[in-house]
Every structure is written in structure tokens, then in C-alpha cells.
């Protein structure tokens, strides 16, 4: 599954420190490995009916430290399968951020973004330029990420990348002997 270079959608704005137990409480994480079933519990800690309200292509905008807590992949998986197209946050918990790339959920770190967007605003995410265009027309660059990781995410994550390329770039790197 390849993700388009431009994503346009309405925003769901979340506060600072949204942890993985708010995104999908543990009692639901442990119940199933079916991503479609997990999606029914996305953002359950804020709104148990969120899954009925979200529309395909919606975008998350969050404050600092989005995705703190558990290192399990269920939180970004639940978001992805709830039809949220991308997550933009002022900052992410590191393991959550890494898991987003691994499963192909676009995650852009844009400091100050919550001051420029309100609930249900329409915004545009450019996955090639790695930026977010806000309702005032300003283009806000996300923190730099290596092109390989952006490409990995656009191709749908590690599994989809491997299906398409049958290897990873680091598999062909030559290793130099170290001197002692």
C-alpha cells in the first residue's frame, strides 16, 4: 500500500501527554490482534464513540509527548486502522514515533502546530516536502527525518517495503573492520 504524497483532511486536536492507554486502553489491547477490531477502541480514553465519528483521511494534531507509555505497536495500529491518515504532533514519545514508521502511519513532528490549528480545521500534509499547511496558508516544516524513513512510511511500513524491494538498504552495506 503506497501512501499519497499529499494528504488533506480535517483535524482532531489532542492535548499534551496523550499516552498509549488513552489511545487504546490495555484491556482492549490484550483482547485482540485484529487491527480493525482495535480501531474501534481508538482514543477510547477521551471518547468511547470516537470510532463512529472519525472519517477516512482525518488527521491527528497533538501537543507534546504524544504516544508515551507502552511500547506496543497497538496504539499506532489502532490509529492507522481507524482511518486517520497521519499524526502531527509537537513531539512524540520515541518508541511510538518509531512504531509509526514501522507500520506506515505518517508521523510528523511540527513544533508549535497546536497554536495554528483548531478542532476540525482542514489542513494539508505534504509527505514529500515533509511539511504541514495550516488554515492560515502558512507552510510549517516538520523536523527532518532521513529520506529512507520517509520513503518507508510512504510505502506502508517495513513489511510493505520488504514485499516491494525484497531487501533493506542496510543489507548491502559493507562493513569495515575495526582497528584495535
Protein backbone atom coordinates (compact mmCIF):
# COMPACT_ATOMS: atom_id res chain seq x y z
CA UNK A 1 0.00 0.00 0.00
CA UNK A 2 1.59 3.26 -1.12
CA UNK A 3 0.51 6.46 0.60
CA UNK A 4 -0.16 9.56 -1.50
CA UNK A 5 2.31 12.46 -1.25
CA UNK A 6 -0.39 14.96 -0.24
CA UNK A 7 -2.92 14.29 2.50
CA UNK A 8 -5.83 16.67 3.07
CA UNK A 9 -8.22 16.26 5.94
CA UNK A 10 -9.93 17.62 8.99
CA UNK A 11 -8.12 17.70 12.28
CA UNK A 12 -8.74 16.10 15.62
CA UNK A 13 -6.75 18.18 18.12
CA UNK A 14 -5.39 16.45 21.23
CA UNK A 15 -3.54 17.87 24.26
CA UNK A 16 -0.01 17.22 25.57
CA UNK A 17 0.94 13.85 27.06
CA UNK A 18 -1.63 11.62 25.37
CA UNK A 19 -0.39 8.17 26.35
CA UNK A 20 -0.98 4.81 24.75
CA UNK A 21 -3.54 3.81 27.39
CA UNK A 22 -5.67 6.78 26.31
CA UNK A 23 -5.18 5.90 22.64
CA UNK A 24 -6.23 2.28 23.26
CA UNK A 25 -6.68 1.09 26.86
CA UNK A 26 -4.81 -2.08 27.84
CA UNK A 27 -7.99 -4.10 28.36
CA UNK A 28 -8.68 -3.71 24.63
CA UNK A 29 -5.04 -4.14 23.51
CA UNK A 30 -4.94 -7.54 25.16
CA UNK A 31 -8.26 -8.67 23.69
CA UNK A 32 -7.33 -9.00 20.01
CA UNK A 33 -4.61 -8.70 17.37
CA UNK A 34 -7.15 -7.78 14.69
CA UNK A 35 -6.31 -4.19 13.67
CA UNK A 36 -9.88 -3.46 12.54
CA UNK A 37 -11.18 -4.54 15.94
CA UNK A 38 -8.50 -2.48 17.72
CA UNK A 39 -9.56 0.58 15.71
CA UNK A 40 -12.96 0.50 17.47
CA UNK A 41 -11.16 1.48 20.69
CA UNK A 42 -9.01 4.29 19.28
CA UNK A 43 -8.99 7.34 21.58
CA UNK A 44 -11.34 5.48 23.90
CA UNK A 45 -9.78 7.25 26.88
CA UNK A 46 -11.16 10.55 25.58
CA UNK A 47 -14.23 9.45 23.65
CA UNK A 48 -15.56 5.85 23.58
CA UNK A 49 -17.57 6.82 20.46
CA UNK A 50 -14.59 8.21 18.52
CA UNK A 51 -14.60 5.30 16.06
CA UNK A 52 -18.13 6.27 14.97
CA UNK A 53 -17.14 9.91 14.39
CA UNK A 54 -13.81 9.62 12.60
CA UNK A 55 -13.86 9.89 8.80
CA UNK A 56 -11.36 8.39 6.35
CA UNK A 57 -8.50 10.84 5.84
CA UNK A 58 -8.91 12.65 9.16
CA UNK A 59 -5.68 13.87 10.74
CA UNK A 60 -4.50 13.99 14.34
CA UNK A 61 -2.80 17.12 15.65
CA UNK A 62 -1.38 16.78 19.14
CA UNK A 63 0.74 18.56 21.68
CA UNK A 64 3.98 17.36 23.20
CA UNK A 65 4.88 13.75 24.03
CA UNK A 66 2.13 12.07 22.01
CA UNK A 67 2.16 8.30 22.47
CA UNK A 68 4.03 7.98 25.77
CA UNK A 69 3.62 4.81 27.80
CA UNK A 70 3.61 1.28 26.45
CA UNK A 71 5.97 0.38 23.65
CA UNK A 72 3.47 -1.97 22.00
CA UNK A 73 2.50 -1.26 18.39
CA UNK A 74 -1.23 -1.48 19.10
CA UNK A 75 -1.61 2.27 19.66
CA UNK A 76 -0.35 3.40 16.23
CA UNK A 77 -2.02 0.36 14.62
CA UNK A 78 -5.38 1.35 16.15
CA UNK A 79 -4.94 4.91 14.87
CA UNK A 80 -3.98 3.76 11.36
CA UNK A 81 -6.92 1.34 11.07
CA UNK A 82 -9.37 3.92 12.41
CA UNK A 83 -8.80 5.66 9.04
CA UNK A 84 -6.69 8.51 10.44
CA UNK A 85 -4.28 9.37 7.63
CA UNK A 86 -1.45 10.93 9.69
CA UNK A 87 -0.43 12.16 13.11
CA UNK A 88 1.16 15.58 13.50
CA UNK A 89 2.45 16.43 16.96
CA UNK A 90 4.71 18.95 18.64
CA UNK A 91 6.71 15.95 19.84
CA UNK A 92 6.32 12.19 20.13
CA UNK A 93 7.37 9.56 22.60
CA UNK A 94 10.31 7.95 20.80
CA UNK A 95 9.06 4.35 20.66
CA UNK A 96 5.60 5.42 19.47
CA UNK A 97 7.24 7.55 16.75
CA UNK A 98 9.42 4.64 15.62
CA UNK A 99 6.41 2.30 15.56
CA UNK A 100 4.55 4.75 13.29
CA UNK A 101 7.27 4.43 10.66
CA UNK A 102 7.42 0.66 11.10
CA UNK A 103 3.71 0.28 10.30
CA UNK A 104 3.48 3.08 7.72
CA UNK A 105 1.49 5.65 9.72
CA UNK A 106 2.77 9.12 8.76
CA UNK A 107 4.03 10.91 11.87
CA UNK A 108 5.37 14.45 11.56
CA UNK A 109 6.91 16.43 14.40
CA UNK A 110 5.98 20.09 13.98
CA UNK A 111 6.83 22.30 16.99
CA UNK A 112 4.10 24.88 17.70
CA UNK A 113 1.47 23.20 15.49
CA UNK A 114 -1.26 23.22 18.16
CA UNK A 115 -1.18 27.03 18.20
CA UNK A 116 -2.05 27.11 14.48
CA UNK A 117 -4.82 24.51 14.27
CA UNK A 118 -8.17 24.02 15.97
CA UNK A 119 -10.58 21.11 16.11
CA UNK A 120 -11.93 20.15 12.65
CA UNK A 121 -9.80 22.63 10.69
CA UNK A 122 -8.86 21.45 7.21
CA UNK A 123 -5.09 21.10 6.74
CA UNK A 124 -2.73 19.65 4.17
CA UNK A 125 0.20 17.35 4.87
CA UNK A 126 2.91 17.12 2.22
CA UNK A 127 4.78 13.86 2.74
CA UNK A 128 7.36 14.69 0.09
CA UNK A 129 8.25 18.17 1.39
CA UNK A 130 7.66 16.88 4.96
CA UNK A 131 5.52 19.85 5.95
CA UNK A 132 2.03 20.88 7.06
CA UNK A 133 -0.02 23.68 5.50
CA UNK A 134 -2.34 25.24 8.09
CA UNK A 135 -5.63 27.13 7.53
CA UNK A 136 -3.81 30.50 7.54
CA UNK A 137 -1.87 29.34 4.45
CA UNK A 138 1.47 29.00 6.23
CA UNK A 139 3.67 26.01 5.48
CA UNK A 140 5.17 24.52 8.62
CA UNK A 141 8.18 22.25 8.13
CA UNK A 142 8.35 19.09 10.23
CA UNK A 143 11.58 18.13 11.92
CA UNK A 144 13.92 16.45 9.47
CA UNK A 145 13.74 12.70 9.02
CA UNK A 146 16.07 10.69 6.74
CA UNK A 147 14.63 10.16 3.26
CA UNK A 148 14.76 6.38 3.70
CA UNK A 149 12.38 6.59 6.68
CA UNK A 150 10.01 8.91 4.81
CA UNK A 151 10.04 6.50 1.85
CA UNK A 152 9.49 3.54 4.16
CA UNK A 153 6.46 5.28 5.63
CA UNK A 154 5.09 6.25 2.19
CA UNK A 155 5.33 2.60 1.10
CA UNK A 156 3.27 1.44 4.08
CA UNK A 157 5.93 0.43 6.59
CA UNK A 158 8.58 -2.27 6.97
CA UNK A 159 6.53 -5.21 5.72
CA UNK A 160 5.24 -3.45 2.61
CA UNK A 161 8.69 -2.04 1.86
CA UNK A 162 10.21 -5.51 2.03
CA UNK A 163 7.49 -7.02 -0.16
CA UNK A 164 8.26 -4.42 -2.82
CA UNK A 165 12.09 -4.33 -2.64
CA UNK A 166 12.94 -7.82 -1.23
CA UNK A 167 15.69 -6.28 0.91
CA UNK A 168 16.59 -3.25 3.00
CA UNK A 169 19.39 -0.79 2.14
CA UNK A 170 21.45 -1.78 5.16
CA UNK A 171 21.63 -5.39 4.00
CA UNK A 172 24.07 -4.39 1.26
CA UNK A 173 26.26 -2.07 3.30
CA UNK A 174 29.88 -3.10 3.50
CA UNK A 175 31.28 -3.32 6.97
CA UNK A 176 34.77 -2.07 7.59
CA UNK A 177 36.96 -3.94 10.03
CA UNK A 178 37.55 -2.03 13.22
CA UNK A 179 41.06 -1.35 14.45
CA UNK A 180 42.01 -2.43 17.91
